Amino acid sequence: MKKNTVVRVHYTGTLPDTGEVFDSSEGRDPLTFLVGHGKMIPGFEEEMMGASLGERREFTLEAARAYGERDENAVMQIPRVAFDQLLASSGATLEVGMTLVAQMPHGPAPFLVVGLDEEIVTADFNHALAGKSLTFSVEIVELREATEEEIDHGHAHGPGGVEH
């Protein structure tokens, strides 16, 4: 595996502290990505570099090489009135633990509602796995050179990739 190759992998991601599976391709198609174009968390690609077809690797990434450390500045208090239109159009009610998506200037940003009172919604914009070490078990099931079009577009095409 090297930059500008299209890779298909089967993987299982677990939390090393508990062994809890947080994601897996088991029972699904393999994950497909173009290497070296920022589509994967950095540590994942770094650990898989040089791997060959059929190779299996297991590795643990510290938070900094996965989804980063938690950023307390990403926990924000938003006036509850800002949610009135959403609630009126969907009929939903705000609850602690629900995930919503804010439309930000840089694009959609999911957040977790971590607190509620009469006037304020406390929203956590950290990735759910921020601040956590992650263990991956990965097997390369397909490996090929990327086409010029894939390199220009910055993503894989074909099975498991972008169709356009």
C-alpha atoms as a PDB file:
ATOM      1  CA  MET A   1       0.000   0.000   0.000  1.00  0.00           C
ATOM      2  CA  LYS A   2       1.368   3.381  -1.020  1.00  0.00           C
ATOM      3  CA  LYS A   3       0.157   6.835  -2.021  1.00  0.00           C
ATOM      4  CA  ASN A   4      -2.188   6.914  -5.017  1.00  0.00           C
ATOM      5  CA  THR A   5      -3.338   3.318  -4.683  1.00  0.00           C
ATOM      6  CA  VAL A   6      -6.959   2.288  -4.245  1.00  0.00           C
ATOM      7  CA  VAL A   7      -7.319  -0.079  -1.324  1.00  0.00           C
ATOM      8  CA  ARG A   8     -10.243  -2.198  -0.148  1.00  0.00           C
ATOM      9  CA  VAL A   9     -10.013  -3.444   3.420  1.00  0.00           C
ATOM     10  CA  HIS A  10     -12.042  -5.416   5.901  1.00  0.00           C
ATOM     11  CA  TYR A  11     -11.552  -4.018   9.386  1.00  0.00           C
ATOM     12  CA  THR A  12     -12.752  -4.049  12.951  1.00  0.00           C
ATOM     13  CA  GLY A  13     -12.187  -1.085  15.251  1.00  0.00           C
ATOM     14  CA  THR A  14     -12.295  -1.590  19.013  1.00  0.00           C
ATOM     15  CA  LEU A  15     -11.710   0.485  22.106  1.00  0.00           C
ATOM     16  CA  PRO A  16      -8.607  -1.032  23.743  1.00  0.00           C
ATOM     17  CA  ASP A  17      -9.791  -0.247  27.273  1.00  0.00           C
ATOM     18  CA  THR A  18     -13.024  -2.240  26.956  1.00  0.00           C
ATOM     19  CA  GLY A  19     -12.765  -4.283  23.746  1.00  0.00           C
ATOM     20  CA  GLU A  20     -16.033  -2.676  22.592  1.00  0.00           C
ATOM     21  CA  VAL A  21     -16.403  -2.701  18.772  1.00  0.00           C
ATOM     22  CA  PHE A  22     -17.065   0.852  17.557  1.00  0.00           C
ATOM     23  CA  ASP A  23     -17.051   0.032  13.827  1.00  0.00           C
ATOM     24  CA  SER A  24     -16.581  -2.949  11.544  1.00  0.00           C
ATOM     25  CA  SER A  25     -16.996  -3.960   7.918  1.00  0.00           C
ATOM     26  CA  GLU A  26     -18.133  -7.430   9.028  1.00  0.00           C
ATOM     27  CA  GLY A  27     -21.222  -8.381   7.053  1.00  0.00           C
ATOM     28  CA  ARG A  28     -20.735  -5.402   4.714  1.00  0.00           C
ATOM     29  CA  ASP A  29     -18.674  -4.583   1.651  1.00  0.00           C
ATOM     30  CA  PRO A  30     -15.026  -3.764   2.302  1.00  0.00           C
ATOM     31  CA  LEU A  31     -14.085  -0.149   2.947  1.00  0.00           C
ATOM     32  CA  THR A  32     -12.602   1.442  -0.207  1.00  0.00           C
ATOM     33  CA  PHE A  33     -10.330   4.479  -0.183  1.00  0.00           C
ATOM     34  CA  LEU A  34      -7.655   6.321  -2.160  1.00  0.00           C
ATOM     35  CA  VAL A  35      -4.414   6.357  -0.175  1.00  0.00           C
ATOM     36  CA  GLY A  36      -2.755   9.684   0.605  1.00  0.00           C
ATOM     37  CA  HIS A  37      -5.730  11.961  -0.061  1.00  0.00           C
ATOM     38  CA  GLY A  38      -6.966  12.609   3.480  1.00  0.00           C
ATOM     39  CA  LYS A  39      -9.910  10.204   3.354  1.00  0.00           C
ATOM     40  CA  MET A  40      -8.795   8.197   6.405  1.00  0.00           C
ATOM     41  CA  ILE A  41      -7.612   9.153   9.870  1.00  0.00           C
ATOM     42  CA  PRO A  42      -3.851   9.781   9.535  1.00  0.00           C
ATOM     43  CA  GLY A  43      -2.630   7.019  11.840  1.00  0.00           C
ATOM     44  CA  PHE A  44      -4.665   4.387   9.985  1.00  0.00           C
ATOM     45  CA  GLU A  45      -2.907   5.092   6.680  1.00  0.00           C
ATOM     46  CA  GLU A  46       0.499   5.438   8.375  1.00  0.00           C
ATOM     47  CA  GLU A  47       0.173   2.016  10.011  1.00  0.00           C
ATOM     48  CA  MET A  48      -0.966   0.360   6.778  1.00  0.00           C
ATOM     49  CA  MET A  49       1.724   1.838   4.496  1.00  0.00           C
ATOM     50  CA  GLY A  50       3.765  -0.872   2.824  1.00  0.00           C
ATOM     51  CA  ALA A  51       1.143  -3.579   3.428  1.00  0.00           C
ATOM     52  CA  SER A  52       0.459  -5.979   0.557  1.00  0.00           C
ATOM     53  CA  LEU A  53      -2.600  -7.800  -0.748  1.00  0.00           C
ATOM     54  CA  GLY A  54      -3.891 -10.328   1.762  1.00  0.00           C
ATOM     55  CA  GLU A  55      -1.817  -8.909   4.608  1.00  0.00           C
ATOM     56  CA  ARG A  56      -3.426  -8.494   8.036  1.00  0.00           C
ATOM     57  CA  ARG A  57      -2.286  -5.911  10.554  1.00  0.00           C
ATOM     58  CA  GLU A  58      -3.378  -4.985  14.045  1.00  0.00           C
ATOM     59  CA  PHE A  59      -2.401  -1.679  15.645  1.00  0.00           C
ATOM     60  CA  THR A  60      -3.481   0.786  18.311  1.00  0.00           C
ATOM     61  CA  LEU A  61      -3.611   4.516  17.635  1.00  0.00           C
ATOM     62  CA  GLU A  62      -3.353   7.067  20.417  1.00  0.00           C
ATOM     63  CA  ALA A  63      -6.012   9.798  20.222  1.00  0.00           C
ATOM     64  CA  ALA A  64      -3.675  12.295  18.538  1.00  0.00           C
ATOM     65  CA  ARG A  65      -3.231   9.916  15.555  1.00  0.00           C
ATOM     66  CA  ALA A  66      -6.939   9.044  15.401  1.00  0.00           C
ATOM     67  CA  TYR A  67      -9.696  11.635  15.914  1.00  0.00           C
ATOM     68  CA  GLY A  68      -7.595  13.961  18.075  1.00  0.00           C
ATOM     69  CA  GLU A  69      -7.841  14.981  21.679  1.00  0.00           C
ATOM     70  CA  ARG A  70     -11.095  16.328  23.067  1.00  0.00           C
ATOM     71  CA  ASP A  71     -11.355  20.080  22.692  1.00  0.00           C
ATOM     72  CA  GLU A  72     -13.389  21.687  25.465  1.00  0.00           C
ATOM     73  CA  ASN A  73     -13.777  24.757  23.221  1.00  0.00           C
ATOM     74  CA  ALA A  74     -15.904  22.530  20.955  1.00  0.00           C
ATOM     75  CA  VAL A  75     -18.540  22.293  23.708  1.00  0.00           C
ATOM     76  CA  MET A  76     -20.843  25.247  23.161  1.00  0.00           C
ATOM     77  CA  GLN A  77     -23.910  26.717  24.738  1.00  0.00           C
ATOM     78  CA  ILE A  78     -26.561  27.645  22.181  1.00  0.00           C
ATOM     79  CA  PRO A  79     -29.793  29.510  22.937  1.00  0.00           C
ATOM     80  CA  ARG A  80     -32.656  27.011  22.870  1.00  0.00           C
ATOM     81  CA  VAL A  81     -34.654  29.384  20.665  1.00  0.00           C
ATOM     82  CA  ALA A  82     -32.185  28.621  17.832  1.00  0.00           C
ATOM     83  CA  PHE A  83     -33.792  25.160  17.615  1.00  0.00           C
ATOM     84  CA  ASP A  84     -37.410  26.362  17.405  1.00  0.00           C
ATOM     85  CA  GLN A  85     -37.700  26.156  13.595  1.00  0.00           C
ATOM     86  CA  LEU A  86     -36.158  22.650  13.484  1.00  0.00           C
ATOM     87  CA  LEU A  87     -38.452  21.393  16.225  1.00  0.00           C
ATOM     88  CA  ALA A  88     -41.544  22.956  14.659  1.00  0.00           C
ATOM     89  CA  SER A  89     -40.845  21.447  11.202  1.00  0.00           C
ATOM     90  CA  SER A  90     -39.873  17.976  12.444  1.00  0.00           C
ATOM     91  CA  GLY A  91     -42.126  17.575  15.450  1.00  0.00           C
ATOM     92  CA  ALA A  92     -39.097  16.304  17.401  1.00  0.00           C
ATOM     93  CA  THR A  93     -38.233  17.248  20.956  1.00  0.00           C
ATOM     94  CA  LEU A  94     -34.728  17.984  22.182  1.00  0.00           C
ATOM     95  CA  GLU A  95     -33.213  15.316  24.407  1.00  0.00           C
ATOM     96  CA  VAL A  96     -29.814  14.826  26.007  1.00  0.00           C
ATOM     97  CA  GLY A  97     -27.943  12.200  23.976  1.00  0.00           C
ATOM     98  CA  MET A  98     -29.428  13.037  20.582  1.00  0.00           C
ATOM     99  CA  THR A  99     -27.148  13.834  17.653  1.00  0.00           C
ATOM    100  CA  LEU A 100     -28.022  16.765  15.390  1.00  0.00           C
ATOM    101  CA  VAL A 101     -26.224  18.443  12.503  1.00  0.00           C
ATOM    102  CA  ALA A 102     -25.510  22.167  12.334  1.00  0.00           C
ATOM    103  CA  GLN A 103     -24.999  23.852   8.969  1.00  0.00           C
ATOM    104  CA  MET A 104     -21.733  25.766   9.404  1.00  0.00           C
ATOM    105  CA  PRO A 105     -19.772  27.935   6.916  1.00  0.00           C
ATOM    106  CA  HIS A 106     -17.311  25.015   6.412  1.00  0.00           C
ATOM    107  CA  GLY A 107     -20.139  22.494   5.899  1.00  0.00           C
ATOM    108  CA  PRO A 108     -22.284  20.222   8.057  1.00  0.00           C
ATOM    109  CA  ALA A 109     -21.073  19.684  11.635  1.00  0.00           C
ATOM    110  CA  PRO A 110     -22.646  16.941  13.749  1.00  0.00           C
ATOM    111  CA  PHE A 111     -22.959  17.529  17.481  1.00  0.00           C
ATOM    112  CA  LEU A 112     -24.213  15.701  20.545  1.00  0.00           C
ATOM    113  CA  VAL A 113     -26.709  17.348  22.884  1.00  0.00           C
ATOM    114  CA  VAL A 114     -25.035  16.958  26.293  1.00  0.00           C
ATOM    115  CA  GLY A 115     -27.148  19.325  28.347  1.00  0.00           C
ATOM    116  CA  LEU A 116     -30.511  21.091  28.286  1.00  0.00           C
ATOM    117  CA  ASP A 117     -32.306  23.639  30.368  1.00  0.00           C
ATOM    118  CA  GLU A 118     -35.169  26.057  29.719  1.00  0.00           C
ATOM    119  CA  GLU A 119     -32.981  28.504  27.770  1.00  0.00           C
ATOM    120  CA  ILE A 120     -29.724  26.785  26.744  1.00  0.00           C
ATOM    121  CA  VAL A 121     -28.729  23.693  24.743  1.00  0.00           C
ATOM    122  CA  THR A 122     -25.195  22.475  25.480  1.00  0.00           C
ATOM    123  CA  ALA A 123     -23.749  21.005  22.276  1.00  0.00           C
ATOM    124  CA  ASP A 124     -20.555  18.938  21.984  1.00  0.00           C
ATOM    125  CA  PHE A 125     -19.012  19.228  18.519  1.00  0.00           C
ATOM    126  CA  ASN A 126     -16.118  16.841  19.325  1.00  0.00           C
ATOM    127  CA  HIS A 127     -16.046  13.633  17.301  1.00  0.00           C
ATOM    128  CA  ALA A 128     -17.559  10.817  19.374  1.00  0.00           C
ATOM    129  CA  LEU A 129     -14.157   9.060  19.392  1.00  0.00           C
ATOM    130  CA  ALA A 130     -12.064  12.166  20.179  1.00  0.00           C
ATOM    131  CA  GLY A 131      -9.748  11.635  23.123  1.00  0.00           C
ATOM    132  CA  LYS A 132      -9.796   7.846  22.744  1.00  0.00           C
ATOM    133  CA  SER A 133      -7.173   5.324  21.705  1.00  0.00           C
ATOM    134  CA  LEU A 134      -8.429   3.011  18.963  1.00  0.00           C
ATOM    135  CA  THR A 135      -7.335  -0.513  18.005  1.00  0.00           C
ATOM    136  CA  PHE A 136      -7.809  -1.719  14.436  1.00  0.00           C
ATOM    137  CA  SER A 137      -7.580  -5.172  12.927  1.00  0.00           C
ATOM    138  CA  VAL A 138      -7.275  -4.751   9.145  1.00  0.00           C
ATOM    139  CA  GLU A 139      -6.966  -7.069   6.132  1.00  0.00           C
ATOM    140  CA  ILE A 140      -6.209  -5.792   2.621  1.00  0.00           C
ATOM    141  CA  VAL A 141      -8.584  -7.572   0.225  1.00  0.00           C
ATOM    142  CA  GLU A 142      -7.902  -5.515  -2.915  1.00  0.00           C
ATOM    143  CA  LEU A 143      -5.065  -3.243  -3.977  1.00  0.00           C
ATOM    144  CA  ARG A 144      -4.585  -1.444  -7.306  1.00  0.00           C
ATOM    145  CA  GLU A 145      -2.993   1.644  -8.788  1.00  0.00           C
ATOM    146  CA  ALA A 146      -5.365   4.607  -8.910  1.00  0.00           C
ATOM    147  CA  THR A 147      -6.393   6.011 -12.285  1.00  0.00           C
ATOM    148  CA  GLU A 148      -5.446   9.580 -13.223  1.00  0.00           C
ATOM    149  CA  GLU A 149      -9.117  10.517 -12.882  1.00  0.00           C
ATOM    150  CA  GLU A 150      -9.258   9.137  -9.326  1.00  0.00           C
ATOM    151  CA  ILE A 151      -6.092  11.044  -8.393  1.00  0.00           C
ATOM    152  CA  ASP A 152      -7.490  14.253  -9.925  1.00  0.00           C
ATOM    153  CA  HIS A 153     -10.809  13.795  -8.105  1.00  0.00           C
ATOM    154  CA  GLY A 154      -9.158  12.769  -4.823  1.00  0.00           C
ATOM    155  CA  HIS A 155     -11.286   9.647  -4.303  1.00  0.00           C
ATOM    156  CA  ALA A 156     -11.709   6.064  -5.502  1.00  0.00           C
ATOM    157  CA  HIS A 157     -14.197   5.159  -8.234  1.00  0.00           C
ATOM    158  CA  GLY A 158     -15.903   1.848  -8.929  1.00  0.00           C
ATOM    159  CA  PRO A 159     -17.067  -0.756  -6.394  1.00  0.00           C
ATOM    160  CA  GLY A 160     -17.069   0.802  -2.940  1.00  0.00           C
ATOM    161  CA  GLY A 161     -15.951   4.158  -4.329  1.00  0.00           C
ATOM    162  CA  VAL A 162     -17.758   7.161  -5.803  1.00  0.00           C
ATOM    163  CA  GLU A 163     -19.934   6.530  -8.848  1.00  0.00           C
ATOM    164  CA  HIS A 164     -20.278   9.523 -11.194  1.00  0.00           C
END
